[in-house]
Amino acid sequence: MTLHQTIKEQIKDALRAKDTIRLDTLRSLTALFQSEMMSQNISGDYITDEKALALIKRSVKQHKDSIEQFEKGGRDDLVSKEKAELNVLESFMPSMMPFNEVKMIVHMRVDALKSAGTFDPKATGKIVGMLIKELAGKADGTMIKNAIDELITTK
């Protein structure tokens, strides 16, 4: 069963449980999926898991930004709603690597670049880009950048 199918099935469960936050979040996700299908001229009933995860990831980022803005504006009522929706969205995201594992991988890659003589501490953006592709879905860019920064400042 694809992620899109799973989300559609969970809408029925949320309706039965009268879980309005979960229901609204899942409905907005399916609307987002349908919109993506229409804009990309995707035929069929469901989008791929890769596209679904990308859309969920974008929605998670939007919710985090909204939470930050609402906290600055003192809108605690909206902050709690956004956090509840964020929890629902994050339940569909793959689990992230612990920071220590990310640091270990970054350390190995940086050491490999140093031994090859191609490491430039000023070009950390290229290293981040390389590692984001390698660790796609397992670690986000901020975590990778923090690991690189920590590694460079300790040496």
Protein backbone atom coordinates (compact mmCIF):
# COMPACT_ATOMS: atom_id res chain seq x y z
CA MET A 1 0.00 0.00 0.00
CA THR A 2 1.41 3.39 -0.96
CA LEU A 3 1.73 6.27 1.47
CA HIS A 4 -1.06 8.09 -0.37
CA GLN A 5 -3.37 5.06 0.06
CA THR A 6 -2.43 4.77 3.73
CA ILE A 7 -3.30 8.41 4.34
CA LYS A 8 -6.66 8.00 2.60
CA GLU A 9 -7.41 4.98 4.77
CA GLN A 10 -6.44 6.89 7.92
CA ILE A 11 -8.96 9.58 7.04
CA LYS A 12 -11.70 6.99 7.59
CA ASP A 13 -10.18 6.04 10.95
CA ALA A 14 -9.94 9.69 12.00
CA LEU A 15 -13.59 10.21 11.02
CA ARG A 16 -14.67 7.24 13.14
CA ALA A 17 -12.55 8.42 16.08
CA LYS A 18 -13.81 12.02 15.67
CA ASP A 19 -10.19 13.21 15.78
CA THR A 20 -10.64 16.59 14.10
CA ILE A 21 -6.99 17.66 14.14
CA ARG A 22 -5.85 14.41 12.53
CA LEU A 23 -8.75 14.49 10.09
CA ASP A 24 -8.07 18.07 8.98
CA THR A 25 -4.36 17.37 8.60
CA LEU A 26 -4.92 14.21 6.56
CA ARG A 27 -7.50 15.93 4.37
CA SER A 28 -5.11 18.80 3.67
CA LEU A 29 -2.44 16.25 2.73
CA THR A 30 -4.71 14.48 0.28
CA ALA A 31 -5.68 17.84 -1.21
CA LEU A 32 -1.99 18.64 -1.56
CA PHE A 33 -1.42 15.28 -3.25
CA GLN A 34 -4.34 15.86 -5.65
CA SER A 35 -3.06 19.32 -6.47
CA GLU A 36 0.38 17.89 -7.22
CA MET A 37 -1.13 15.21 -9.43
CA MET A 38 -3.06 17.81 -11.41
CA SER A 39 -0.14 20.21 -11.77
CA GLN A 40 2.23 17.44 -12.87
CA ASN A 41 -0.36 15.70 -15.09
CA ILE A 42 0.08 12.46 -13.17
CA SER A 43 -2.40 9.82 -14.20
CA GLY A 44 -3.69 7.20 -11.81
CA ASP A 45 -5.21 7.36 -8.38
CA TYR A 46 -2.12 7.84 -6.24
CA ILE A 47 1.23 9.62 -6.29
CA THR A 48 4.48 7.82 -5.63
CA ASP A 49 5.86 7.51 -2.12
CA GLU A 50 8.84 9.70 -3.07
CA LYS A 51 6.58 12.56 -4.18
CA ALA A 52 4.33 12.07 -1.16
CA LEU A 53 7.31 12.25 1.22
CA ALA A 54 8.61 15.36 -0.51
CA LEU A 55 5.22 17.04 -0.10
CA ILE A 56 4.92 15.95 3.53
CA LYS A 57 8.44 17.23 4.19
CA ARG A 58 7.51 20.60 2.65
CA SER A 59 4.36 20.71 4.78
CA VAL A 60 6.39 19.90 7.93
CA LYS A 61 8.73 22.78 7.14
CA GLN A 62 5.76 25.13 6.62
CA HIS A 63 4.26 24.10 9.94
CA LYS A 64 7.57 24.67 11.75
CA ASP A 65 7.81 28.13 10.18
CA SER A 66 4.22 28.89 11.19
CA ILE A 67 4.88 27.77 14.76
CA GLU A 68 7.87 30.09 14.95
CA GLN A 69 5.87 33.03 13.58
CA PHE A 70 2.89 32.39 15.85
CA GLU A 71 5.18 32.16 18.89
CA LYS A 72 6.70 35.53 17.99
CA GLY A 73 3.20 36.95 17.63
CA GLY A 74 2.03 35.52 20.96
CA ARG A 75 -0.67 33.37 19.35
CA ASP A 76 -0.52 30.37 21.69
CA ASP A 77 -3.87 29.06 20.45
CA LEU A 78 -2.52 28.74 16.90
CA VAL A 79 0.83 27.39 18.12
CA SER A 80 -0.85 24.44 19.84
CA LYS A 81 -2.95 23.67 16.75
CA GLU A 82 0.10 23.81 14.45
CA LYS A 83 2.10 21.58 16.82
CA ALA A 84 -0.69 19.01 16.87
CA GLU A 85 -0.84 19.02 13.07
CA LEU A 86 2.95 18.81 12.92
CA ASN A 87 2.87 15.66 15.08
CA VAL A 88 0.46 14.05 12.62
CA LEU A 89 2.67 15.00 9.66
CA GLU A 90 5.85 13.80 11.34
CA SER A 91 4.28 10.40 11.93
CA PHE A 92 4.60 9.82 8.17
CA MET A 93 8.22 10.91 7.96
CA PRO A 94 10.99 8.31 8.10
CA SER A 95 12.93 8.34 11.34
CA MET A 96 16.02 10.51 11.37
CA MET A 97 19.51 9.37 12.27
CA PRO A 98 20.83 10.36 15.67
CA PHE A 99 23.17 13.36 15.56
CA ASN A 100 26.13 11.22 16.69
CA GLU A 101 25.75 8.94 13.66
CA VAL A 102 25.54 11.94 11.34
CA LYS A 103 28.71 13.34 12.95
CA MET A 104 30.47 10.03 12.42
CA ILE A 105 29.55 9.92 8.71
CA VAL A 106 30.52 13.58 8.25
CA HIS A 107 33.84 12.90 9.98
CA MET A 108 34.55 9.95 7.66
CA ARG A 109 33.73 12.00 4.53
CA VAL A 110 35.78 15.00 5.64
CA ASP A 111 38.74 12.74 6.48
CA ALA A 112 38.44 11.14 3.04
CA LEU A 113 38.45 14.57 1.40
CA LYS A 114 41.44 15.65 3.49
CA SER A 115 43.42 12.57 2.56
CA ALA A 116 42.61 13.17 -1.12
CA GLY A 117 43.73 16.78 -0.71
CA THR A 118 40.40 18.20 -1.87
CA PHE A 119 39.05 19.47 1.44
CA ASP A 120 38.38 23.21 1.65
CA PRO A 121 36.89 24.42 4.95
CA LYS A 122 35.45 27.45 3.16
CA ALA A 123 33.46 25.24 0.76
CA THR A 124 31.32 23.47 3.34
CA GLY A 125 28.25 24.07 1.16
CA LYS A 126 29.52 21.55 -1.37
CA ILE A 127 30.11 18.99 1.36
CA VAL A 128 26.65 19.62 2.80
CA GLY A 129 25.13 19.16 -0.66
CA MET A 130 27.00 15.90 -1.19
CA LEU A 131 25.95 14.54 2.20
CA ILE A 132 22.33 15.64 1.80
CA LYS A 133 22.10 13.46 -1.29
CA GLU A 134 23.80 10.59 0.50
CA LEU A 135 21.68 10.84 3.65
CA ALA A 136 18.39 11.75 1.98
CA GLY A 137 15.52 11.02 4.32
CA LYS A 138 17.85 10.03 7.17
CA ALA A 139 19.19 13.47 8.14
CA ASP A 140 18.22 17.01 7.26
CA GLY A 141 20.54 19.69 5.94
CA THR A 142 20.64 21.63 9.20
CA MET A 143 21.80 18.57 11.12
CA ILE A 144 24.51 17.88 8.52
CA LYS A 145 25.67 21.51 8.48
CA ASN A 146 25.84 21.57 12.29
CA ALA A 147 27.93 18.38 12.27
CA ILE A 148 30.35 19.86 9.72
CA ASP A 149 30.59 23.16 11.60
CA GLU A 150 31.26 21.31 14.86
CA LEU A 151 33.94 19.20 13.18
CA ILE A 152 35.68 22.20 11.60
CA THR A 153 35.62 24.33 14.77
CA THR A 154 37.05 21.55 16.94
CA LYS A 155 40.06 21.07 14.66
